[in-house]
């Protein structure tokens, strides 16, 4: 268990459906055509393997009756695996479809009853690309940048 910092708690308290409090990034990777059939699965497998070395495998629990700061509790790797989504498509997504996917997902809140992140791997983007849309709740940012968080 690790107590949440007050400034991180503030990010959870301010969140609404109109103001999701996460940080997102869209990564576009150019993949040679010969490697594209297995690339998305390889990326997902690599992320799943590395997940245990991050502070992302935790869930937030509220203190009873608001008597203390909320706290982070560790969870199993399987719970984290559910946060990494593979989206397959027979038709390549063009930039407009990719922007639409990102816009819709950017406004969806992360469910803090589970790990505070999501990763979406889109396997078929035009111009021989694969896309990763990564979002992490803002309340995790201090944990991600502290030296002892990965211990």
Protein backbone atom coordinates (compact mmCIF):
# COMPACT_ATOMS: atom_id res chain seq x y z
CA UNK A 1 0.00 0.00 0.00
CA UNK A 2 1.15 3.52 -0.77
CA UNK A 3 -0.71 6.69 0.20
CA UNK A 4 -1.66 9.00 -2.61
CA UNK A 5 -0.02 12.40 -2.63
CA UNK A 6 -2.42 15.30 -1.95
CA UNK A 7 -1.74 16.92 -5.32
CA UNK A 8 -2.48 13.62 -7.09
CA UNK A 9 -5.65 13.20 -5.02
CA UNK A 10 -6.67 16.63 -6.31
CA UNK A 11 -6.58 15.26 -9.89
CA UNK A 12 -9.01 12.49 -8.95
CA UNK A 13 -11.30 14.87 -7.07
CA UNK A 14 -11.54 17.29 -10.01
CA UNK A 15 -12.33 14.68 -12.64
CA UNK A 16 -15.73 14.66 -14.35
CA UNK A 17 -17.03 13.18 -17.60
CA UNK A 18 -16.43 16.59 -19.22
CA UNK A 19 -12.90 16.87 -17.80
CA UNK A 20 -11.13 13.51 -17.79
CA UNK A 21 -7.83 13.82 -15.95
CA UNK A 22 -5.44 11.69 -17.91
CA UNK A 23 -2.45 12.23 -20.14
CA UNK A 24 -2.52 10.65 -23.57
CA UNK A 25 -0.13 10.08 -26.43
CA UNK A 26 -0.58 8.75 -29.93
CA UNK A 27 2.48 6.96 -31.28
CA UNK A 28 2.76 6.07 -34.97
CA UNK A 29 5.25 3.40 -35.93
CA UNK A 30 6.32 2.69 -39.49
CA UNK A 31 6.57 -1.07 -39.94
CA UNK A 32 8.02 -2.86 -42.98
CA UNK A 33 5.25 -4.72 -44.78
CA UNK A 34 6.90 -8.10 -44.19
CA UNK A 35 6.73 -7.60 -40.40
CA UNK A 36 3.23 -6.14 -40.22
CA UNK A 37 1.25 -9.40 -39.82
CA UNK A 38 2.85 -10.15 -36.44
CA UNK A 39 3.93 -6.68 -35.32
CA UNK A 40 0.88 -5.76 -33.20
CA UNK A 41 1.00 -9.09 -31.36
CA UNK A 42 4.74 -8.64 -30.74
CA UNK A 43 4.20 -5.12 -29.39
CA UNK A 44 1.44 -6.36 -27.09
CA UNK A 45 3.56 -9.27 -25.85
CA UNK A 46 6.49 -6.91 -25.17
CA UNK A 47 4.28 -4.48 -23.23
CA UNK A 48 2.76 -7.31 -21.19
CA UNK A 49 6.22 -8.59 -20.30
CA UNK A 50 7.48 -5.15 -19.23
CA UNK A 51 4.36 -4.16 -17.28
CA UNK A 52 5.52 -5.89 -14.09
CA UNK A 53 8.50 -3.53 -13.93
CA UNK A 54 6.32 -0.41 -13.81
CA UNK A 55 4.24 1.16 -11.02
CA UNK A 56 1.10 0.77 -13.17
CA UNK A 57 -0.01 -2.52 -11.58
CA UNK A 58 -2.03 -0.94 -8.82
CA UNK A 59 -5.53 0.26 -8.07
CA UNK A 60 -6.77 3.21 -6.12
CA UNK A 61 -8.86 2.63 -3.00
CA UNK A 62 -10.69 5.36 -1.11
CA UNK A 63 -10.05 5.84 2.57
CA UNK A 64 -13.11 5.00 4.69
CA UNK A 65 -15.34 8.02 5.19
CA UNK A 66 -12.66 10.27 3.70
CA UNK A 67 -10.67 10.06 6.95
CA UNK A 68 -7.31 9.76 5.21
CA UNK A 69 -5.67 10.01 1.81
CA UNK A 70 -6.69 7.47 -0.76
CA UNK A 71 -4.12 4.71 -1.28
CA UNK A 72 -2.62 2.60 -4.05
CA UNK A 73 -2.73 -1.18 -3.72
CA UNK A 74 -0.82 -3.62 -5.90
CA UNK A 75 -2.76 -5.89 -8.25
CA UNK A 76 -1.97 -8.98 -10.30
CA UNK A 77 -0.42 -8.81 -13.74
CA UNK A 78 -3.66 -10.19 -15.20
CA UNK A 79 -5.52 -7.04 -14.19
CA UNK A 80 -2.94 -4.98 -16.04
CA UNK A 81 -3.17 -7.23 -19.08
CA UNK A 82 -6.83 -6.24 -19.41
CA UNK A 83 -5.73 -2.63 -19.94
CA UNK A 84 -3.77 -3.40 -23.12
CA UNK A 85 -6.18 -3.63 -26.04
CA UNK A 86 -5.44 -4.91 -29.54
CA UNK A 87 -7.65 -3.48 -32.28
CA UNK A 88 -7.44 -5.43 -35.52
CA UNK A 89 -8.86 -4.20 -38.79
CA UNK A 90 -9.02 -5.64 -42.29
CA UNK A 91 -9.26 -2.14 -43.71
CA UNK A 92 -6.40 0.28 -43.04
CA UNK A 93 -7.31 3.26 -40.86
CA UNK A 94 -6.53 6.55 -42.55
CA UNK A 95 -5.47 9.64 -40.62
CA UNK A 96 -9.06 10.88 -40.27
CA UNK A 97 -10.21 7.56 -38.75
CA UNK A 98 -7.17 7.54 -36.46
CA UNK A 99 -7.94 11.09 -35.31
CA UNK A 100 -11.57 10.09 -34.66
CA UNK A 101 -10.46 7.06 -32.61
CA UNK A 102 -8.11 9.26 -30.60
CA UNK A 103 -10.69 12.00 -30.04
CA UNK A 104 -13.31 9.54 -28.80
CA UNK A 105 -10.88 7.73 -26.49
CA UNK A 106 -9.37 10.95 -25.19
CA UNK A 107 -12.73 11.91 -23.70
CA UNK A 108 -13.39 8.54 -22.05
CA UNK A 109 -12.38 8.41 -18.40
CA UNK A 110 -10.08 5.73 -17.12
CA UNK A 111 -11.91 3.44 -14.71
CA UNK A 112 -9.96 3.83 -11.46
CA UNK A 113 -11.43 0.63 -10.03
CA UNK A 114 -8.73 -1.00 -12.17
CA UNK A 115 -5.17 -0.02 -13.07
CA UNK A 116 -4.93 3.68 -14.00
CA UNK A 117 -3.86 3.28 -17.63
CA UNK A 118 -4.95 2.07 -21.06
CA UNK A 119 -2.94 1.14 -24.12
CA UNK A 120 -4.64 0.65 -27.48
CA UNK A 121 -2.70 -0.99 -30.31
CA UNK A 122 -4.18 -0.39 -33.75
CA UNK A 123 -2.64 -2.91 -36.09
CA UNK A 124 -3.56 -1.55 -39.51
CA UNK A 125 -2.96 2.13 -40.23
CA UNK A 126 -2.34 3.52 -43.71
CA UNK A 127 1.20 4.00 -44.99
CA UNK A 128 2.45 0.76 -43.36
CA UNK A 129 1.97 2.02 -39.82
CA UNK A 130 0.85 0.65 -36.50
CA UNK A 131 -0.52 3.05 -33.88
CA UNK A 132 -0.38 3.00 -30.10
CA UNK A 133 -2.69 5.23 -28.13
CA UNK A 134 -1.48 5.36 -24.52
CA UNK A 135 -3.23 7.12 -21.68
CA UNK A 136 -2.32 7.25 -18.01
CA UNK A 137 -4.35 8.95 -15.30
CA UNK A 138 -2.74 12.17 -14.17
CA UNK A 139 -2.73 10.97 -10.55
CA UNK A 140 -0.04 8.44 -11.54
CA UNK A 141 2.46 10.89 -12.98
CA UNK A 142 4.38 11.47 -9.76
CA UNK A 143 4.69 7.72 -9.18
CA UNK A 144 5.98 7.23 -12.72
CA UNK A 145 8.78 9.73 -12.21
CA UNK A 146 10.04 8.83 -8.74
CA UNK A 147 13.14 6.70 -8.49
CA UNK A 148 11.76 4.25 -5.95
CA UNK A 149 8.46 3.61 -7.75
CA UNK A 150 9.90 0.82 -9.89
CA UNK A 151 11.32 -1.12 -6.92
